[in-house]
Amino acid sequence: MFSENMDYIELNIRATKIVSVKLDADMIHDVDKMVKKHNFRNRSEFIREALNLYIELLNMYDKKELKDAAKNRLKVAR
């Protein structure tokens, strides 16, 4: 963001940390399919967005309630 008098540039840089996660081959295959299908730049972007969404949902719903809703929605969609 530039100031009105253009004397400086303000940068909003968020520090990130690397987290290692072990996934089985089937899960990696599914992640790769979603990365391509939904035009994510890479696995990290997909996983970050998935975690952000899951955290947001868990702030609104109980874990069991969320799982039940997802299962019921999947049954309706089939």
Foldseek 3Di string as FASTA:
>chain_A
DADPVRPDDDDDDDDDDDDDDDDDPVVVVVLVVCCVVVVPPDSVRVVVVVVVVVVVVVVVDPPVVVVVVVVVVVVVVD
